[in-house]
Amino acid sequence: MRIMDRPEYASKPKPMTTTADATVAEAVAAMSERNYGSVVVVDGDSKVVGMVTERDIMKRLVNAKLDAAKTKVADIMTSDVRVAKENDDLQDWLRIMSNDRFRRLPIVDESGKLVSIMTQGDFVSYTWPQLIDRVTEQTKATVSNNYQIFLIAGGILVYSIALILMLRG
């Protein structure tokens, strides 16, 4: 399934953006106001050039004892940001995000302009019903293919319980 095919994708709010020359104080104020954990850094054409997360602020600003009012977003942003296209496979990206250990994925259109952002939580909530269906199907297939084994195991279990009850009685 493509990322853009999820019904929830169309209703996601526009991602929060800033420019690389904004101050970290400005970015933090915007993040705090909207209760966001990250802000996407874009250029004048709305193309992704970086991202600032709460972790970036903690490690690269607070821990380095920098002044948020004087420090530019460019100085603390993660610049090697992975981006996906709207037509990319949703489950492929969930796997990549999990393996490469990042939680936010900017989504760009065919011209490379930012259109949305997906979090690992978004992907998990979108794929959760499919995962339940797969587990259910696998369980049904396992039980039906191995019916005799379950019948024998159940018989042994019933016999054992009956034997224990008779010995106690």
N, C-alpha and C. Protein backbone atom coordinates (compact mmCIF):
# COMPACT_ATOMS: atom_id res chain seq x y z
N MET A 1 0.84 -1.18 0.00
CA MET A 1 0.00 0.00 0.00
C MET A 1 0.88 1.24 0.00
N ARG A 2 0.53 2.20 -0.87
CA ARG A 2 1.27 3.45 -0.93
C ARG A 2 0.92 4.34 0.27
N ILE A 3 1.86 5.17 0.66
CA ILE A 3 1.64 6.08 1.78
C ILE A 3 0.40 6.93 1.54
N MET A 4 0.26 7.46 0.34
CA MET A 4 -0.85 8.37 0.04
C MET A 4 -2.21 7.67 -0.03
N ASP A 5 -2.24 6.34 -0.08
CA ASP A 5 -3.50 5.60 -0.17
C ASP A 5 -4.21 5.45 1.17
N ARG A 6 -3.53 5.70 2.26
CA ARG A 6 -4.16 5.60 3.56
C ARG A 6 -5.17 6.73 3.72
N PRO A 7 -6.40 6.44 4.14
CA PRO A 7 -7.40 7.51 4.29
C PRO A 7 -6.94 8.61 5.25
N GLU A 8 -6.21 8.25 6.26
CA GLU A 8 -5.77 9.22 7.27
C GLU A 8 -4.73 10.19 6.71
N TYR A 9 -4.03 9.78 5.67
CA TYR A 9 -2.96 10.60 5.12
C TYR A 9 -3.49 11.96 4.64
N ALA A 10 -4.61 11.96 3.98
CA ALA A 10 -5.18 13.20 3.44
C ALA A 10 -5.58 14.18 4.53
N SER A 11 -5.90 13.68 5.71
CA SER A 11 -6.37 14.57 6.78
C SER A 11 -5.28 14.98 7.76
N LYS A 12 -4.05 14.53 7.52
CA LYS A 12 -2.96 14.93 8.43
C LYS A 12 -2.73 16.43 8.33
N PRO A 13 -2.45 17.07 9.47
CA PRO A 13 -2.16 18.51 9.41
C PRO A 13 -0.84 18.76 8.68
N LYS A 14 -0.71 19.95 8.14
CA LYS A 14 0.52 20.33 7.46
C LYS A 14 1.67 20.29 8.47
N PRO A 15 2.84 19.82 8.05
CA PRO A 15 3.96 19.76 8.99
C PRO A 15 4.46 21.14 9.37
N MET A 16 4.99 21.23 10.57
CA MET A 16 5.57 22.48 11.03
C MET A 16 6.93 22.65 10.36
N THR A 17 7.17 23.83 9.84
CA THR A 17 8.44 24.08 9.17
C THR A 17 9.10 25.35 9.71
N THR A 18 10.38 25.44 9.45
CA THR A 18 11.15 26.64 9.76
C THR A 18 12.28 26.72 8.74
N THR A 19 13.00 27.80 8.77
CA THR A 19 14.16 27.95 7.88
C THR A 19 15.44 27.77 8.69
N ALA A 20 16.51 27.48 8.02
CA ALA A 20 17.79 27.22 8.68
C ALA A 20 18.33 28.45 9.40
N ASP A 21 17.94 29.67 8.97
CA ASP A 21 18.45 30.88 9.61
C ASP A 21 17.59 31.36 10.79
N ALA A 22 16.51 30.65 11.09
CA ALA A 22 15.70 30.99 12.27
C ALA A 22 16.49 30.62 13.52
N THR A 23 16.17 31.25 14.63
CA THR A 23 16.86 30.90 15.87
C THR A 23 16.20 29.67 16.48
N VAL A 24 16.96 28.97 17.28
CA VAL A 24 16.43 27.80 17.97
C VAL A 24 15.30 28.24 18.91
N ALA A 25 15.43 29.41 19.51
CA ALA A 25 14.38 29.92 20.40
C ALA A 25 13.06 30.06 19.65
N GLU A 26 13.10 30.54 18.42
CA GLU A 26 11.89 30.68 17.61
C GLU A 26 11.29 29.30 17.29
N ALA A 27 12.15 28.37 16.93
CA ALA A 27 11.68 27.01 16.62
C ALA A 27 11.07 26.35 17.84
N VAL A 28 11.72 26.49 18.99
CA VAL A 28 11.21 25.89 20.23
C VAL A 28 9.87 26.51 20.62
N ALA A 29 9.74 27.81 20.45
CA ALA A 29 8.47 28.48 20.77
C ALA A 29 7.34 27.93 19.90
N ALA A 30 7.60 27.76 18.62
CA ALA A 30 6.58 27.22 17.71
C ALA A 30 6.25 25.76 18.06
N MET A 31 7.28 24.97 18.35
CA MET A 31 7.07 23.57 18.72
C MET A 31 6.25 23.48 20.01
N SER A 32 6.58 24.31 20.97
CA SER A 32 5.87 24.31 22.26
C SER A 32 4.42 24.72 22.09
N GLU A 33 4.19 25.75 21.28
CA GLU A 33 2.83 26.25 21.07
C GLU A 33 1.92 25.18 20.48
N ARG A 34 2.44 24.39 19.55
CA ARG A 34 1.63 23.36 18.88
C ARG A 34 1.83 21.97 19.46
N ASN A 35 2.69 21.87 20.49
CA ASN A 35 2.97 20.59 21.14
C ASN A 35 3.54 19.57 20.14
N TYR A 36 4.50 20.01 19.34
CA TYR A 36 5.17 19.17 18.36
C TYR A 36 6.54 18.78 18.89
N GLY A 37 7.00 17.61 18.52
CA GLY A 37 8.31 17.13 18.95
C GLY A 37 9.40 17.38 17.93
N SER A 38 9.03 17.98 16.80
CA SER A 38 10.04 18.25 15.78
C SER A 38 9.56 19.36 14.86
N VAL A 39 10.50 19.89 14.12
CA VAL A 39 10.19 20.88 13.09
C VAL A 39 11.07 20.55 11.88
N VAL A 40 10.47 20.59 10.70
CA VAL A 40 11.19 20.31 9.46
C VAL A 40 11.80 21.62 8.96
N VAL A 41 13.07 21.56 8.61
CA VAL A 41 13.78 22.74 8.10
C VAL A 41 13.72 22.68 6.57
N VAL A 42 13.19 23.74 5.97
CA VAL A 42 13.02 23.78 4.51
C VAL A 42 13.72 25.00 3.93
N ASP A 43 14.00 24.91 2.63
CA ASP A 43 14.55 26.06 1.92
C ASP A 43 13.41 26.89 1.34
N GLY A 44 13.73 27.87 0.53
CA GLY A 44 12.73 28.76 -0.06
C GLY A 44 11.76 28.07 -1.00
N ASP A 45 12.11 26.88 -1.49
CA ASP A 45 11.24 26.11 -2.39
C ASP A 45 10.47 25.01 -1.66
N SER A 46 10.46 25.05 -0.33
CA SER A 46 9.79 24.05 0.50
C SER A 46 10.42 22.66 0.38
N LYS A 47 11.71 22.61 0.05
CA LYS A 47 12.43 21.34 0.00
C LYS A 47 13.14 21.11 1.32
N VAL A 48 13.13 19.88 1.79
CA VAL A 48 13.68 19.54 3.09
C VAL A 48 15.20 19.65 3.07
N VAL A 49 15.73 20.43 4.02
CA VAL A 49 17.19 20.54 4.18
C VAL A 49 17.66 20.05 5.54
N GLY A 50 16.69 19.80 6.44
CA GLY A 50 17.06 19.32 7.77
C GLY A 50 15.85 19.12 8.65
N MET A 51 16.13 18.72 9.87
CA MET A 51 15.07 18.53 10.86
C MET A 51 15.66 18.80 12.24
N VAL A 52 14.84 19.38 13.09
CA VAL A 52 15.24 19.60 14.48
C VAL A 52 14.22 18.88 15.35
N THR A 53 14.72 18.00 16.20
CA THR A 53 13.87 17.26 17.13
C THR A 53 14.19 17.69 18.56
N GLU A 54 13.37 17.26 19.47
CA GLU A 54 13.63 17.54 20.89
C GLU A 54 15.00 17.01 21.29
N ARG A 55 15.37 15.86 20.74
CA ARG A 55 16.68 15.27 21.06
C ARG A 55 17.81 16.15 20.55
N ASP A 56 17.66 16.71 19.33
CA ASP A 56 18.68 17.63 18.81
C ASP A 56 18.86 18.82 19.74
N ILE A 57 17.75 19.36 20.22
CA ILE A 57 17.79 20.52 21.12
C ILE A 57 18.50 20.15 22.42
N MET A 58 18.18 18.99 22.95
CA MET A 58 18.78 18.56 24.21
C MET A 58 20.29 18.33 24.04
N LYS A 59 20.67 17.57 23.01
CA LYS A 59 22.07 17.19 22.84
C LYS A 59 22.94 18.31 22.29
N ARG A 60 22.44 19.02 21.29
CA ARG A 60 23.28 19.98 20.58
C ARG A 60 23.17 21.42 21.07
N LEU A 61 22.14 21.70 21.85
CA LEU A 61 21.97 23.06 22.36
C LEU A 61 22.16 23.08 23.87
N VAL A 62 21.27 22.38 24.58
CA VAL A 62 21.31 22.42 26.05
C VAL A 62 22.61 21.83 26.58
N ASN A 63 22.96 20.64 26.11
CA ASN A 63 24.17 19.99 26.61
C ASN A 63 25.44 20.77 26.24
N ALA A 64 25.40 21.45 25.10
CA ALA A 64 26.55 22.27 24.67
C ALA A 64 26.52 23.66 25.30
N LYS A 65 25.48 23.93 26.11
CA LYS A 65 25.33 25.21 26.80
C LYS A 65 25.33 26.41 25.84
N LEU A 66 24.61 26.23 24.73
CA LEU A 66 24.46 27.31 23.75
C LEU A 66 23.24 28.16 24.09
N ASP A 67 23.23 29.36 23.61
CA ASP A 67 22.12 30.28 23.82
C ASP A 67 21.10 30.11 22.70
N ALA A 68 19.89 29.69 23.05
CA ALA A 68 18.85 29.43 22.05
C ALA A 68 18.47 30.67 21.26
N ALA A 69 18.58 31.84 21.87
CA ALA A 69 18.23 33.09 21.18
C ALA A 69 19.28 33.50 20.15
N LYS A 70 20.50 32.99 20.29
CA LYS A 70 21.58 33.36 19.37
C LYS A 70 21.95 32.22 18.41
N THR A 71 21.57 31.01 18.74
CA THR A 71 21.95 29.85 17.93
C THR A 71 20.95 29.66 16.80
N LYS A 72 21.47 29.48 15.61
CA LYS A 72 20.62 29.25 14.43
C LYS A 72 20.22 27.78 14.35
N VAL A 73 19.05 27.54 13.79
CA VAL A 73 18.55 26.18 13.59
C VAL A 73 19.59 25.36 12.81
N ALA A 74 20.23 25.96 11.84
CA ALA A 74 21.23 25.27 11.01
C ALA A 74 22.36 24.68 11.86
N ASP A 75 22.64 25.31 13.02
CA ASP A 75 23.75 24.85 13.86
C ASP A 75 23.44 23.58 14.63
N ILE A 76 22.17 23.26 14.80
CA ILE A 76 21.83 22.06 15.58
C ILE A 76 20.99 21.04 14.83
N MET A 77 20.57 21.38 13.61
CA MET A 77 19.67 20.48 12.89
C MET A 77 20.39 19.22 12.41
N THR A 78 19.60 18.18 12.22
CA THR A 78 20.08 16.98 11.54
C THR A 78 19.91 17.26 10.06
N SER A 79 21.00 17.18 9.31
CA SER A 79 20.91 17.58 7.90
C SER A 79 20.77 16.40 6.94
N ASP A 80 21.08 15.22 7.36
CA ASP A 80 20.97 14.06 6.45
C ASP A 80 19.64 13.35 6.68
N VAL A 81 18.56 14.06 6.39
CA VAL A 81 17.20 13.57 6.66
C VAL A 81 16.73 12.68 5.51
N ARG A 82 16.22 11.52 5.87
CA ARG A 82 15.62 10.63 4.86
C ARG A 82 14.22 11.15 4.56
N VAL A 83 13.84 11.13 3.29
CA VAL A 83 12.50 11.55 2.88
C VAL A 83 11.88 10.45 2.02
N ALA A 84 10.56 10.38 2.07
CA ALA A 84 9.82 9.42 1.25
C ALA A 84 8.94 10.18 0.28
N LYS A 85 8.54 9.48 -0.76
CA LYS A 85 7.57 10.06 -1.70
C LYS A 85 6.19 9.49 -1.38
N GLU A 86 5.18 10.22 -1.75
CA GLU A 86 3.80 9.81 -1.48
C GLU A 86 3.46 8.44 -2.07
N ASN A 87 4.12 8.08 -3.16
CA ASN A 87 3.84 6.81 -3.83
C ASN A 87 4.63 5.64 -3.25
N ASP A 88 5.50 5.89 -2.30
CA ASP A 88 6.31 4.81 -1.70
C ASP A 88 5.44 3.87 -0.88
N ASP A 89 5.94 2.65 -0.72
CA ASP A 89 5.21 1.64 0.04
C ASP A 89 5.30 1.91 1.55
N LEU A 90 4.16 1.95 2.17
CA LEU A 90 4.06 2.25 3.60
C LEU A 90 4.83 1.25 4.45
N GLN A 91 4.68 -0.03 4.20
CA GLN A 91 5.34 -1.04 5.03
C GLN A 91 6.85 -1.06 4.82
N ASP A 92 7.30 -0.73 3.62
CA ASP A 92 8.75 -0.64 3.39
C ASP A 92 9.35 0.43 4.30
N TRP A 93 8.69 1.57 4.37
CA TRP A 93 9.21 2.66 5.20
C TRP A 93 9.11 2.34 6.68
N LEU A 94 8.08 1.64 7.10
CA LEU A 94 7.99 1.24 8.51
C LEU A 94 9.20 0.37 8.86
N ARG A 95 9.53 -0.54 7.98
CA ARG A 95 10.68 -1.43 8.20
C ARG A 95 11.98 -0.62 8.24
N ILE A 96 12.15 0.30 7.29
CA ILE A 96 13.37 1.12 7.24
C ILE A 96 13.50 1.97 8.50
N MET A 97 12.41 2.59 8.91
CA MET A 97 12.44 3.43 10.11
C MET A 97 12.79 2.61 11.34
N SER A 98 12.25 1.44 11.43
CA SER A 98 12.54 0.58 12.57
C SER A 98 14.00 0.12 12.55
N ASN A 99 14.48 -0.32 11.40
CA ASN A 99 15.86 -0.80 11.29
C ASN A 99 16.89 0.31 11.48
N ASP A 100 16.62 1.48 10.92
CA ASP A 100 17.57 2.59 10.99
C ASP A 100 17.35 3.49 12.20
N ARG A 101 16.33 3.18 12.98
CA ARG A 101 16.05 3.85 14.26
C ARG A 101 15.83 5.36 14.14
N PHE A 102 14.89 5.74 13.29
CA PHE A 102 14.43 7.13 13.29
C PHE A 102 12.91 7.11 13.30
N ARG A 103 12.31 8.16 13.84
CA ARG A 103 10.87 8.15 14.10
C ARG A 103 10.05 9.10 13.25
N ARG A 104 10.70 9.99 12.52
CA ARG A 104 9.95 10.97 11.74
C ARG A 104 10.42 10.92 10.29
N LEU A 105 9.43 10.91 9.40
CA LEU A 105 9.74 10.78 7.97
C LEU A 105 8.99 11.85 7.18
N PRO A 106 9.71 12.86 6.69
CA PRO A 106 9.06 13.84 5.83
C PRO A 106 8.62 13.19 4.51
N ILE A 107 7.45 13.57 4.04
CA ILE A 107 6.92 13.06 2.77
C ILE A 107 6.96 14.21 1.78
N VAL A 108 7.51 13.93 0.60
CA VAL A 108 7.63 14.96 -0.43
C VAL A 108 6.86 14.53 -1.68
N ASP A 109 6.48 15.52 -2.48
CA ASP A 109 5.81 15.22 -3.75
C ASP A 109 6.86 14.93 -4.81
N GLU A 110 6.42 14.76 -6.04
CA GLU A 110 7.33 14.39 -7.13
C GLU A 110 8.40 15.45 -7.40
N SER A 111 8.11 16.71 -7.05
CA SER A 111 9.10 17.77 -7.27
C SER A 111 10.01 17.96 -6.05
N GLY A 112 9.81 17.15 -5.01
CA GLY A 112 10.66 17.22 -3.82
C GLY A 112 10.20 18.20 -2.76
N LYS A 113 9.00 18.77 -2.94
CA LYS A 113 8.47 19.71 -1.94
C LYS A 113 7.79 18.96 -0.81
N LEU A 114 7.99 19.45 0.40
CA LEU A 114 7.40 18.84 1.59
C LEU A 114 5.88 18.93 1.54
N VAL A 115 5.20 17.79 1.75
CA VAL A 115 3.74 17.80 1.78
C VAL A 115 3.18 17.26 3.09
N SER A 116 3.95 16.44 3.79
CA SER A 116 3.45 15.86 5.03
C SER A 116 4.63 15.31 5.83
N ILE A 117 4.33 14.83 7.00
CA ILE A 117 5.33 14.12 7.80
C ILE A 117 4.62 12.96 8.47
N MET A 118 5.25 11.82 8.45
CA MET A 118 4.70 10.63 9.08
C MET A 118 5.63 10.25 10.23
N THR A 119 5.03 9.80 11.31
CA THR A 119 5.83 9.33 12.42
C THR A 119 5.75 7.81 12.47
N GLN A 120 6.66 7.22 13.20
CA GLN A 120 6.62 5.77 13.32
C GLN A 120 5.29 5.34 13.95
N GLY A 121 4.77 6.14 14.86
CA GLY A 121 3.46 5.85 15.45
C GLY A 121 2.34 5.85 14.42
N ASP A 122 2.41 6.77 13.46
CA ASP A 122 1.42 6.80 12.37
C ASP A 122 1.45 5.49 11.60
N PHE A 123 2.65 5.06 11.22
CA PHE A 123 2.79 3.84 10.44
C PHE A 123 2.29 2.62 11.21
N VAL A 124 2.62 2.55 12.49
CA VAL A 124 2.18 1.41 13.29
C VAL A 124 0.66 1.40 13.41
N SER A 125 0.06 2.55 13.67
CA SER A 125 -1.40 2.57 13.81
C SER A 125 -2.08 2.23 12.49
N TYR A 126 -1.46 2.59 11.36
CA TYR A 126 -2.04 2.28 10.06
C TYR A 126 -1.91 0.81 9.72
N THR A 127 -0.84 0.17 10.17
CA THR A 127 -0.60 -1.23 9.82
C THR A 127 -1.11 -2.19 10.87
N TRP A 128 -1.48 -1.72 12.05
CA TRP A 128 -1.94 -2.58 13.13
C TRP A 128 -3.10 -3.49 12.72
N PRO A 129 -4.17 -2.98 12.11
CA PRO A 129 -5.27 -3.87 11.69
C PRO A 129 -4.81 -4.95 10.72
N GLN A 130 -3.89 -4.61 9.82
CA GLN A 130 -3.38 -5.61 8.88
C GLN A 130 -2.58 -6.68 9.62
N LEU A 131 -1.83 -6.27 10.63
CA LEU A 131 -1.05 -7.23 11.41
C LEU A 131 -1.97 -8.20 12.14
N ILE A 132 -3.04 -7.70 12.73
CA ILE A 132 -4.01 -8.56 13.43
C ILE A 132 -4.63 -9.55 12.45
N ASP A 133 -4.98 -9.09 11.26
CA ASP A 133 -5.55 -9.98 10.24
C ASP A 133 -4.57 -11.08 9.85
N ARG A 134 -3.31 -10.73 9.69
CA ARG A 134 -2.30 -11.73 9.33
C ARG A 134 -2.11 -12.77 10.43
N VAL A 135 -2.07 -12.33 11.67
CA VAL A 135 -1.92 -13.26 12.79
C VAL A 135 -3.12 -14.19 12.87
N THR A 136 -4.32 -13.65 12.67
CA THR A 136 -5.53 -14.46 12.69
C THR A 136 -5.51 -15.50 11.58
N GLU A 137 -5.14 -15.08 10.37
CA GLU A 137 -5.08 -16.01 9.25
C GLU A 137 -4.04 -17.10 9.49
N GLN A 138 -2.89 -16.72 10.02
CA GLN A 138 -1.82 -17.68 10.29
C GLN A 138 -2.25 -18.69 11.36
N THR A 139 -2.92 -18.19 12.37
CA THR A 139 -3.39 -19.09 13.43
C THR A 139 -4.41 -20.08 12.88
N LYS A 140 -5.35 -19.59 12.07
CA LYS A 140 -6.34 -20.49 11.47
C LYS A 140 -5.67 -21.54 10.60
N ALA A 141 -4.70 -21.12 9.80
CA ALA A 141 -3.99 -22.06 8.91
C ALA A 141 -3.22 -23.09 9.72
N THR A 142 -2.59 -22.66 10.79
CA THR A 142 -1.81 -23.57 11.63
C THR A 142 -2.71 -24.59 12.31
N VAL A 143 -3.82 -24.12 12.86
CA VAL A 143 -4.74 -25.03 13.56
C VAL A 143 -5.38 -26.00 12.57
N SER A 144 -5.84 -25.51 11.43
CA SER A 144 -6.53 -26.40 10.48
C SER A 144 -5.56 -27.40 9.85
N ASN A 145 -4.33 -27.01 9.61
CA ASN A 145 -3.35 -27.92 9.02
C ASN A 145 -2.84 -28.95 10.03
N ASN A 146 -2.94 -28.65 11.29
CA ASN A 146 -2.42 -29.53 12.32
C ASN A 146 -3.51 -29.97 13.29
N TYR A 147 -4.70 -30.13 12.77
CA TYR A 147 -5.86 -30.45 13.59
C TYR A 147 -5.61 -31.72 14.43
N GLN A 148 -5.01 -32.72 13.83
CA GLN A 148 -4.80 -33.98 14.54
C GLN A 148 -3.88 -33.79 15.75
N ILE A 149 -2.85 -32.97 15.60
CA ILE A 149 -1.94 -32.72 16.71
C ILE A 149 -2.67 -32.05 17.86
N PHE A 150 -3.50 -31.05 17.54
CA PHE A 150 -4.25 -30.38 18.59
C PHE A 150 -5.26 -31.32 19.24
N LEU A 151 -5.85 -32.21 18.46
CA LEU A 151 -6.80 -33.19 18.99
C LEU A 151 -6.10 -34.16 19.95
N ILE A 152 -4.94 -34.64 19.57
CA ILE A 152 -4.17 -35.56 20.43
C ILE A 152 -3.72 -34.83 21.70
N ALA A 153 -3.17 -33.62 21.54
CA ALA A 153 -2.72 -32.85 22.71
C ALA A 153 -3.88 -32.55 23.64
N GLY A 154 -5.03 -32.21 23.08
CA GLY A 154 -6.22 -31.95 23.90
C GLY A 154 -6.66 -33.20 24.63
N GLY A 155 -6.62 -34.34 23.94
CA GLY A 155 -6.99 -35.61 24.58
C GLY A 155 -6.07 -35.95 25.74
N ILE A 156 -4.78 -35.75 25.54
CA ILE A 156 -3.81 -36.02 26.62
C ILE A 156 -4.06 -35.08 27.79
N LEU A 157 -4.36 -33.83 27.51
CA LEU A 157 -4.64 -32.86 28.57
C LEU A 157 -5.88 -33.27 29.36
N VAL A 158 -6.95 -33.62 28.69
CA VAL A 158 -8.18 -34.05 29.37
C VAL A 158 -7.92 -35.31 30.19
N TYR A 159 -7.21 -36.28 29.62
CA TYR A 159 -6.89 -37.53 30.33
C TYR A 159 -6.06 -37.23 31.58
N SER A 160 -5.06 -36.32 31.46
CA SER A 160 -4.22 -35.98 32.61
C SER A 160 -5.02 -35.32 33.72
N ILE A 161 -5.91 -34.42 33.36
CA ILE A 161 -6.74 -33.75 34.37
C ILE A 161 -7.66 -34.75 35.05
N ALA A 162 -8.25 -35.63 34.26
CA ALA A 162 -9.14 -36.67 34.84
C ALA A 162 -8.36 -37.57 35.77
N LEU A 163 -7.15 -37.96 35.42
CA LEU A 163 -6.32 -38.83 36.25
C LEU A 163 -5.96 -38.13 37.54
N ILE A 164 -5.61 -36.86 37.48
CA ILE A 164 -5.27 -36.10 38.70
C ILE A 164 -6.50 -36.02 39.62
N LEU A 165 -7.65 -35.74 39.06
CA LEU A 165 -8.87 -35.63 39.86
C LEU A 165 -9.22 -36.97 40.51
N MET A 166 -9.01 -38.07 39.80
CA MET A 166 -9.32 -39.40 40.36
C MET A 166 -8.35 -39.74 41.48
N LEU A 167 -7.08 -39.39 41.35
CA LEU A 167 -6.09 -39.69 42.38
C LEU A 167 -6.32 -38.87 43.64
N ARG A 168 -6.82 -37.68 43.49
CA ARG A 168 -7.11 -36.82 44.65
C ARG A 168 -8.39 -37.24 45.36
N GLY A 169 -9.29 -37.81 44.59
CA GLY A 169 -10.62 -38.13 45.08
C GLY A 169 -10.67 -39.31 45.92
